[in-house]
Amino acid sequence: MPDLFNIVSDTLTSSFQAPPDQVRPEAHLSDLLHDSLDRVEFTTVLGTRLEVTISDEELDQAETIADVVALVERKKVDH
């Protein structure tokens, strides 16, 4: 399986037009996703791609891309 960071990064750049040079582990989601609709859509797209369910509340607690990767890793282990 490709590295989770690369999958999250690819999702942000291809589906949400995030500038590739700004997609780093420490980057804040609020700087990359334009509004709350983008956040909801991001959970759907990423969840489908990685076969996990990410709630809006869980994503709200994830401030950075590294937080999202850690969240997905936990979900994959619990799955």
PDB file of N, CA and C in Angstrom:
ATOM      1  N   MET A   1       0.846  -1.189   0.000  1.00  0.00           N
ATOM      2  CA  MET A   1       0.000   0.000   0.000  1.00  0.00           C
ATOM      3  C   MET A   1       0.886   1.245   0.000  1.00  0.00           C
ATOM      4  N   PRO A   2       0.563   2.208  -0.849  1.00  0.00           N
ATOM      5  CA  PRO A   2       1.368   3.439  -0.855  1.00  0.00           C
ATOM      6  C   PRO A   2       1.333   4.124   0.514  1.00  0.00           C
ATOM      7  N   ASP A   3       2.338   4.897   0.771  1.00  0.00           N
ATOM      8  CA  ASP A   3       2.451   5.647   2.009  1.00  0.00           C
ATOM      9  C   ASP A   3       1.203   6.511   2.221  1.00  0.00           C
ATOM     10  N   LEU A   4       0.655   6.493   3.433  1.00  0.00           N
ATOM     11  CA  LEU A   4      -0.566   7.247   3.715  1.00  0.00           C
ATOM     12  C   LEU A   4      -0.401   8.739   3.459  1.00  0.00           C
ATOM     13  N   PHE A   5       0.759   9.288   3.819  1.00  0.00           N
ATOM     14  CA  PHE A   5       0.966  10.715   3.547  1.00  0.00           C
ATOM     15  C   PHE A   5       0.827  11.001   2.056  1.00  0.00           C
ATOM     16  N   ASN A   6       1.392  10.140   1.221  1.00  0.00           N
ATOM     17  CA  ASN A   6       1.308  10.355  -0.227  1.00  0.00           C
ATOM     18  C   ASN A   6      -0.132  10.290  -0.720  1.00  0.00           C
ATOM     19  N   ILE A   7      -0.941   9.408  -0.136  1.00  0.00           N
ATOM     20  CA  ILE A   7      -2.345   9.295  -0.532  1.00  0.00           C
ATOM     21  C   ILE A   7      -3.111  10.554  -0.116  1.00  0.00           C
ATOM     22  N   VAL A   8      -2.887  11.006   1.121  1.00  0.00           N
ATOM     23  CA  VAL A   8      -3.546  12.223   1.590  1.00  0.00           C
ATOM     24  C   VAL A   8      -3.106  13.401   0.733  1.00  0.00           C
ATOM     25  N   SER A   9      -1.813  13.491   0.463  1.00  0.00           N
ATOM     26  CA  SER A   9      -1.269  14.568  -0.354  1.00  0.00           C
ATOM     27  C   SER A   9      -1.877  14.553  -1.757  1.00  0.00           C
ATOM     28  N   ASP A  10      -1.927  13.393  -2.357  1.00  0.00           N
ATOM     29  CA  ASP A  10      -2.498  13.270  -3.695  1.00  0.00           C
ATOM     30  C   ASP A  10      -3.971  13.660  -3.707  1.00  0.00           C
ATOM     31  N   THR A  11      -4.694  13.269  -2.665  1.00  0.00           N
ATOM     32  CA  THR A  11      -6.108  13.626  -2.568  1.00  0.00           C
ATOM     33  C   THR A  11      -6.272  15.139  -2.492  1.00  0.00           C
ATOM     34  N   LEU A  12      -5.451  15.783  -1.676  1.00  0.00           N
ATOM     35  CA  LEU A  12      -5.541  17.240  -1.532  1.00  0.00           C
ATOM     36  C   LEU A  12      -5.183  17.968  -2.827  1.00  0.00           C
ATOM     37  N   THR A  13      -4.154  17.496  -3.517  1.00  0.00           N
ATOM     38  CA  THR A  13      -3.727  18.197  -4.729  1.00  0.00           C
ATOM     39  C   THR A  13      -4.624  17.895  -5.924  1.00  0.00           C
ATOM     40  N   SER A  14      -5.076  16.660  -6.056  1.00  0.00           N
ATOM     41  CA  SER A  14      -5.869  16.316  -7.240  1.00  0.00           C
ATOM     42  C   SER A  14      -7.349  16.659  -7.095  1.00  0.00           C
ATOM     43  N   SER A  15      -7.901  16.493  -5.914  1.00  0.00           N
ATOM     44  CA  SER A  15      -9.342  16.735  -5.742  1.00  0.00           C
ATOM     45  C   SER A  15      -9.671  18.125  -5.209  1.00  0.00           C
ATOM     46  N   PHE A  16      -8.693  18.764  -4.542  1.00  0.00           N
ATOM     47  CA  PHE A  16      -8.984  20.051  -3.905  1.00  0.00           C
ATOM     48  C   PHE A  16      -8.024  21.158  -4.344  1.00  0.00           C
ATOM     49  N   GLN A  17      -7.241  20.887  -5.367  1.00  0.00           N
ATOM     50  CA  GLN A  17      -6.330  21.865  -5.969  1.00  0.00           C
ATOM     51  C   GLN A  17      -5.406  22.537  -4.951  1.00  0.00           C
ATOM     52  N   ALA A  18      -5.025  21.807  -3.919  1.00  0.00           N
ATOM     53  CA  ALA A  18      -4.041  22.334  -2.968  1.00  0.00           C
ATOM     54  C   ALA A  18      -2.689  22.416  -3.675  1.00  0.00           C
ATOM     55  N   PRO A  19      -1.970  23.513  -3.517  1.00  0.00           N
ATOM     56  CA  PRO A  19      -0.658  23.643  -4.150  1.00  0.00           C
ATOM     57  C   PRO A  19       0.311  22.578  -3.601  1.00  0.00           C
ATOM     58  N   PRO A  20       0.887  21.774  -4.477  1.00  0.00           N
ATOM     59  CA  PRO A  20       1.763  20.684  -4.022  1.00  0.00           C
ATOM     60  C   PRO A  20       2.889  21.141  -3.089  1.00  0.00           C
ATOM     61  N   ASP A  21       3.430  22.331  -3.315  1.00  0.00           N
ATOM     62  CA  ASP A  21       4.538  22.791  -2.470  1.00  0.00           C
ATOM     63  C   ASP A  21       4.083  23.171  -1.060  1.00  0.00           C
ATOM     64  N   GLN A  22       2.772  23.273  -0.847  1.00  0.00           N
ATOM     65  CA  GLN A  22       2.251  23.601   0.480  1.00  0.00           C
ATOM     66  C   GLN A  22       1.763  22.371   1.246  1.00  0.00           C
ATOM     67  N   VAL A  23       1.729  21.229   0.577  1.00  0.00           N
ATOM     68  CA  VAL A  23       1.241  20.005   1.209  1.00  0.00           C
ATOM     69  C   VAL A  23       2.419  19.303   1.895  1.00  0.00           C
ATOM     70  N   ARG A  24       2.537  19.606   3.183  1.00  0.00           N
ATOM     71  CA  ARG A  24       3.598  19.038   4.025  1.00  0.00           C
ATOM     72  C   ARG A  24       2.942  18.495   5.288  1.00  0.00           C
ATOM     73  N   PRO A  25       3.586  17.583   5.995  1.00  0.00           N
ATOM     74  CA  PRO A  25       2.973  17.024   7.212  1.00  0.00           C
ATOM     75  C   PRO A  25       2.511  18.092   8.200  1.00  0.00           C
ATOM     76  N   GLU A  26       3.254  19.174   8.314  1.00  0.00           N
ATOM     77  CA  GLU A  26       2.909  20.210   9.299  1.00  0.00           C
ATOM     78  C   GLU A  26       1.898  21.230   8.773  1.00  0.00           C
ATOM     79  N   ALA A  27       1.497  21.101   7.515  1.00  0.00           N
ATOM     80  CA  ALA A  27       0.540  22.047   6.925  1.00  0.00           C
ATOM     81  C   ALA A  27      -0.841  21.889   7.572  1.00  0.00           C
ATOM     82  N   HIS A  28      -1.477  23.014   7.826  1.00  0.00           N
ATOM     83  CA  HIS A  28      -2.807  23.013   8.437  1.00  0.00           C
ATOM     84  C   HIS A  28      -3.879  22.811   7.370  1.00  0.00           C
ATOM     85  N   LEU A  29      -4.825  21.954   7.691  1.00  0.00           N
ATOM     86  CA  LEU A  29      -5.922  21.703   6.758  1.00  0.00           C
ATOM     87  C   LEU A  29      -6.675  22.984   6.427  1.00  0.00           C
ATOM     88  N   SER A  30      -6.791  23.866   7.409  1.00  0.00           N
ATOM     89  CA  SER A  30      -7.516  25.123   7.174  1.00  0.00           C
ATOM     90  C   SER A  30      -6.847  25.985   6.107  1.00  0.00           C
ATOM     91  N   ASP A  31      -5.556  25.768   5.864  1.00  0.00           N
ATOM     92  CA  ASP A  31      -4.853  26.510   4.815  1.00  0.00           C
ATOM     93  C   ASP A  31      -5.014  25.858   3.444  1.00  0.00           C
ATOM     94  N   LEU A  32      -5.438  24.594   3.423  1.00  0.00           N
ATOM     95  CA  LEU A  32      -5.496  23.851   2.165  1.00  0.00           C
ATOM     96  C   LEU A  32      -6.921  23.598   1.669  1.00  0.00           C
ATOM     97  N   LEU A  33      -7.859  23.521   2.606  1.00  0.00           N
ATOM     98  CA  LEU A  33      -9.262  23.313   2.252  1.00  0.00           C
ATOM     99  C   LEU A  33      -9.978  24.644   2.424  1.00  0.00           C
ATOM    100  N   HIS A  34     -10.749  25.036   1.438  1.00  0.00           N
ATOM    101  CA  HIS A  34     -11.300  26.385   1.384  1.00  0.00           C
ATOM    102  C   HIS A  34     -12.440  26.666   2.347  1.00  0.00           C
ATOM    103  N   ASP A  35     -13.268  25.661   2.616  1.00  0.00           N
ATOM    104  CA  ASP A  35     -14.423  25.909   3.478  1.00  0.00           C
ATOM    105  C   ASP A  35     -14.902  24.598   4.092  1.00  0.00           C
ATOM    106  N   SER A  36     -15.988  24.690   4.851  1.00  0.00           N
ATOM    107  CA  SER A  36     -16.491  23.501   5.545  1.00  0.00           C
ATOM    108  C   SER A  36     -16.993  22.440   4.563  1.00  0.00           C
ATOM    109  N   LEU A  37     -17.496  22.857   3.421  1.00  0.00           N
ATOM    110  CA  LEU A  37     -17.926  21.889   2.409  1.00  0.00           C
ATOM    111  C   LEU A  37     -16.732  21.085   1.904  1.00  0.00           C
ATOM    112  N   ASP A  38     -15.594  21.744   1.685  1.00  0.00           N
ATOM    113  CA  ASP A  38     -14.379  21.036   1.285  1.00  0.00           C
ATOM    114  C   ASP A  38     -13.976  20.014   2.348  1.00  0.00           C
ATOM    115  N   ARG A  39     -14.093  20.381   3.610  1.00  0.00           N
ATOM    116  CA  ARG A  39     -13.727  19.464   4.700  1.00  0.00           C
ATOM    117  C   ARG A  39     -14.609  18.216   4.684  1.00  0.00           C
ATOM    118  N   VAL A  40     -15.914  18.418   4.487  1.00  0.00           N
ATOM    119  CA  VAL A  40     -16.832  17.284   4.433  1.00  0.00           C
ATOM    120  C   VAL A  40     -16.512  16.407   3.228  1.00  0.00           C
ATOM    121  N   GLU A  41     -16.305  17.041   2.091  1.00  0.00           N
ATOM    122  CA  GLU A  41     -15.986  16.299   0.873  1.00  0.00           C
ATOM    123  C   GLU A  41     -14.648  15.558   1.012  1.00  0.00           C
ATOM    124  N   PHE A  42     -13.687  16.192   1.681  1.00  0.00           N
ATOM    125  CA  PHE A  42     -12.383  15.564   1.912  1.00  0.00           C
ATOM    126  C   PHE A  42     -12.539  14.273   2.711  1.00  0.00           C
ATOM    127  N   THR A  43     -13.372  14.298   3.767  1.00  0.00           N
ATOM    128  CA  THR A  43     -13.560  13.076   4.557  1.00  0.00           C
ATOM    129  C   THR A  43     -14.177  11.977   3.708  1.00  0.00           C
ATOM    130  N   THR A  44     -15.094  12.358   2.831  1.00  0.00           N
ATOM    131  CA  THR A  44     -15.750  11.369   1.974  1.00  0.00           C
ATOM    132  C   THR A  44     -14.770  10.780   0.960  1.00  0.00           C
ATOM    133  N   VAL A  45     -14.055  11.648   0.273  1.00  0.00           N
ATOM    134  CA  VAL A  45     -13.112  11.190  -0.757  1.00  0.00           C
ATOM    135  C   VAL A  45     -12.006  10.345  -0.136  1.00  0.00           C
ATOM    136  N   LEU A  46     -11.411  10.835   0.936  1.00  0.00           N
ATOM    137  CA  LEU A  46     -10.318  10.111   1.579  1.00  0.00           C
ATOM    138  C   LEU A  46     -10.817   8.804   2.190  1.00  0.00           C
ATOM    139  N   GLY A  47     -11.967   8.853   2.840  1.00  0.00           N
ATOM    140  CA  GLY A  47     -12.526   7.641   3.435  1.00  0.00           C
ATOM    141  C   GLY A  47     -12.804   6.570   2.400  1.00  0.00           C
ATOM    142  N   THR A  48     -13.358   6.969   1.268  1.00  0.00           N
ATOM    143  CA  THR A  48     -13.625   6.022   0.187  1.00  0.00           C
ATOM    144  C   THR A  48     -12.322   5.447  -0.362  1.00  0.00           C
ATOM    145  N   ARG A  49     -11.370   6.312  -0.568  1.00  0.00           N
ATOM    146  CA  ARG A  49     -10.092   5.885  -1.143  1.00  0.00           C
ATOM    147  C   ARG A  49      -9.347   4.914  -0.230  1.00  0.00           C
ATOM    148  N   LEU A  50      -9.454   5.130   1.088  1.00  0.00           N
ATOM    149  CA  LEU A  50      -8.707   4.311   2.047  1.00  0.00           C
ATOM    150  C   LEU A  50      -9.572   3.277   2.767  1.00  0.00           C
ATOM    151  N   GLU A  51     -10.841   3.238   2.410  1.00  0.00           N
ATOM    152  CA  GLU A  51     -11.782   2.287   3.002  1.00  0.00           C
ATOM    153  C   GLU A  51     -11.856   2.416   4.521  1.00  0.00           C
ATOM    154  N   VAL A  52     -12.007   3.667   4.988  1.00  0.00           N
ATOM    155  CA  VAL A  52     -12.218   3.965   6.399  1.00  0.00           C
ATOM    156  C   VAL A  52     -13.339   4.989   6.501  1.00  0.00           C
ATOM    157  N   THR A  53     -13.942   5.048   7.677  1.00  0.00           N
ATOM    158  CA  THR A  53     -14.964   6.058   7.926  1.00  0.00           C
ATOM    159  C   THR A  53     -14.365   7.115   8.838  1.00  0.00           C
ATOM    160  N   ILE A  54     -14.403   8.347   8.373  1.00  0.00           N
ATOM    161  CA  ILE A  54     -13.881   9.477   9.150  1.00  0.00           C
ATOM    162  C   ILE A  54     -15.057  10.408   9.408  1.00  0.00           C
ATOM    163  N   SER A  55     -15.362  10.616  10.675  1.00  0.00           N
ATOM    164  CA  SER A  55     -16.474  11.505  11.005  1.00  0.00           C
ATOM    165  C   SER A  55     -16.029  12.968  10.912  1.00  0.00           C
ATOM    166  N   ASP A  56     -17.003  13.840  10.789  1.00  0.00           N
ATOM    167  CA  ASP A  56     -16.713  15.273  10.772  1.00  0.00           C
ATOM    168  C   ASP A  56     -16.030  15.687  12.068  1.00  0.00           C
ATOM    169  N   GLU A  57     -16.473  15.115  13.176  1.00  0.00           N
ATOM    170  CA  GLU A  57     -15.892  15.442  14.479  1.00  0.00           C
ATOM    171  C   GLU A  57     -14.420  15.027  14.554  1.00  0.00           C
ATOM    172  N   GLU A  58     -14.122  13.851  14.011  1.00  0.00           N
ATOM    173  CA  GLU A  58     -12.724  13.393  14.005  1.00  0.00           C
ATOM    174  C   GLU A  58     -11.857  14.326  13.163  1.00  0.00           C
ATOM    175  N   LEU A  59     -12.369  14.714  11.999  1.00  0.00           N
ATOM    176  CA  LEU A  59     -11.583  15.610  11.148  1.00  0.00           C
ATOM    177  C   LEU A  59     -11.436  16.980  11.796  1.00  0.00           C
ATOM    178  N   ASP A  60     -12.444  17.418  12.529  1.00  0.00           N
ATOM    179  CA  ASP A  60     -12.353  18.710  13.219  1.00  0.00           C
ATOM    180  C   ASP A  60     -11.209  18.727  14.226  1.00  0.00           C
ATOM    181  N   GLN A  61     -10.882  17.567  14.795  1.00  0.00           N
ATOM    182  CA  GLN A  61      -9.794  17.479  15.762  1.00  0.00           C
ATOM    183  C   GLN A  61      -8.423  17.388  15.092  1.00  0.00           C
ATOM    184  N   ALA A  62      -8.406  17.086  13.803  1.00  0.00           N
ATOM    185  CA  ALA A  62      -7.154  16.977  13.052  1.00  0.00           C
ATOM    186  C   ALA A  62      -6.807  18.345  12.473  1.00  0.00           C
ATOM    187  N   GLU A  63      -5.772  18.956  12.994  1.00  0.00           N
ATOM    188  CA  GLU A  63      -5.392  20.292  12.524  1.00  0.00           C
ATOM    189  C   GLU A  63      -4.443  20.246  11.334  1.00  0.00           C
ATOM    190  N   THR A  64      -3.571  19.259  11.306  1.00  0.00           N
ATOM    191  CA  THR A  64      -2.541  19.198  10.259  1.00  0.00           C
ATOM    192  C   THR A  64      -2.690  17.930   9.428  1.00  0.00           C
ATOM    193  N   ILE A  65      -1.946  17.881   8.347  1.00  0.00           N
ATOM    194  CA  ILE A  65      -1.944  16.678   7.517  1.00  0.00           C
ATOM    195  C   ILE A  65      -1.392  15.499   8.321  1.00  0.00           C
ATOM    196  N   ALA A  66      -0.393  15.740   9.137  1.00  0.00           N
ATOM    197  CA  ALA A  66       0.155  14.672   9.983  1.00  0.00           C
ATOM    198  C   ALA A  66      -0.923  14.119  10.913  1.00  0.00           C
ATOM    199  N   ASP A  67      -1.794  14.984  11.420  1.00  0.00           N
ATOM    200  CA  ASP A  67      -2.902  14.539  12.270  1.00  0.00           C
ATOM    201  C   ASP A  67      -3.859  13.636  11.488  1.00  0.00           C
ATOM    202  N   VAL A  68      -4.127  13.984  10.240  1.00  0.00           N
ATOM    203  CA  VAL A  68      -5.013  13.173   9.400  1.00  0.00           C
ATOM    204  C   VAL A  68      -4.380  11.806   9.154  1.00  0.00           C
ATOM    205  N   VAL A  69      -3.095  11.790   8.854  1.00  0.00           N
ATOM    206  CA  VAL A  69      -2.397  10.524   8.622  1.00  0.00           C
ATOM    207  C   VAL A  69      -2.465   9.659   9.879  1.00  0.00           C
ATOM    208  N   ALA A  70      -2.221  10.247  11.048  1.00  0.00           N
ATOM    209  CA  ALA A  70      -2.282   9.497  12.310  1.00  0.00           C
ATOM    210  C   ALA A  70      -3.692   8.963  12.551  1.00  0.00           C
ATOM    211  N   LEU A  71      -4.705   9.767  12.245  1.00  0.00           N
ATOM    212  CA  LEU A  71      -6.093   9.340  12.403  1.00  0.00           C
ATOM    213  C   LEU A  71      -6.383   8.131  11.523  1.00  0.00           C
ATOM    214  N   VAL A  72      -5.979   8.197  10.266  1.00  0.00           N
ATOM    215  CA  VAL A  72      -6.223   7.083   9.342  1.00  0.00           C
ATOM    216  C   VAL A  72      -5.453   5.843   9.789  1.00  0.00           C
ATOM    217  N   GLU A  73      -4.217   6.020  10.252  1.00  0.00           N
ATOM    218  CA  GLU A  73      -3.441   4.874  10.749  1.00  0.00           C
ATOM    219  C   GLU A  73      -4.165   4.185  11.898  1.00  0.00           C
ATOM    220  N   ARG A  74      -4.706   4.980  12.842  1.00  0.00           N
ATOM    221  CA  ARG A  74      -5.456   4.403  13.954  1.00  0.00           C
ATOM    222  C   ARG A  74      -6.694   3.658  13.459  1.00  0.00           C
ATOM    223  N   LYS A  75      -7.379   4.240  12.507  1.00  0.00           N
ATOM    224  CA  LYS A  75      -8.577   3.620  11.955  1.00  0.00           C
ATOM    225  C   LYS A  75      -8.250   2.292  11.263  1.00  0.00           C
ATOM    226  N   LYS A  76      -7.136   2.277  10.557  1.00  0.00           N
ATOM    227  CA  LYS A  76      -6.727   1.061   9.843  1.00  0.00           C
ATOM    228  C   LYS A  76      -6.378  -0.046  10.846  1.00  0.00           C
ATOM    229  N   VAL A  77      -5.759   0.303  11.962  1.00  0.00           N
ATOM    230  CA  VAL A  77      -5.395  -0.683  12.975  1.00  0.00           C
ATOM    231  C   VAL A  77      -6.659  -1.224  13.645  1.00  0.00           C
ATOM    232  N   ASP A  78      -7.601  -0.312  13.941  1.00  0.00           N
ATOM    233  CA  ASP A  78      -8.840  -0.715  14.617  1.00  0.00           C
ATOM    234  C   ASP A  78      -9.772  -1.474  13.694  1.00  0.00           C
ATOM    235  N   HIS A  79      -9.575  -1.331  12.413  1.00  0.00           N
ATOM    236  CA  HIS A  79     -10.469  -1.945  11.424  1.00  0.00           C
ATOM    237  C   HIS A  79     -10.208  -3.391  11.362  1.00  0.00           C
TER     238      HIS A  79
END
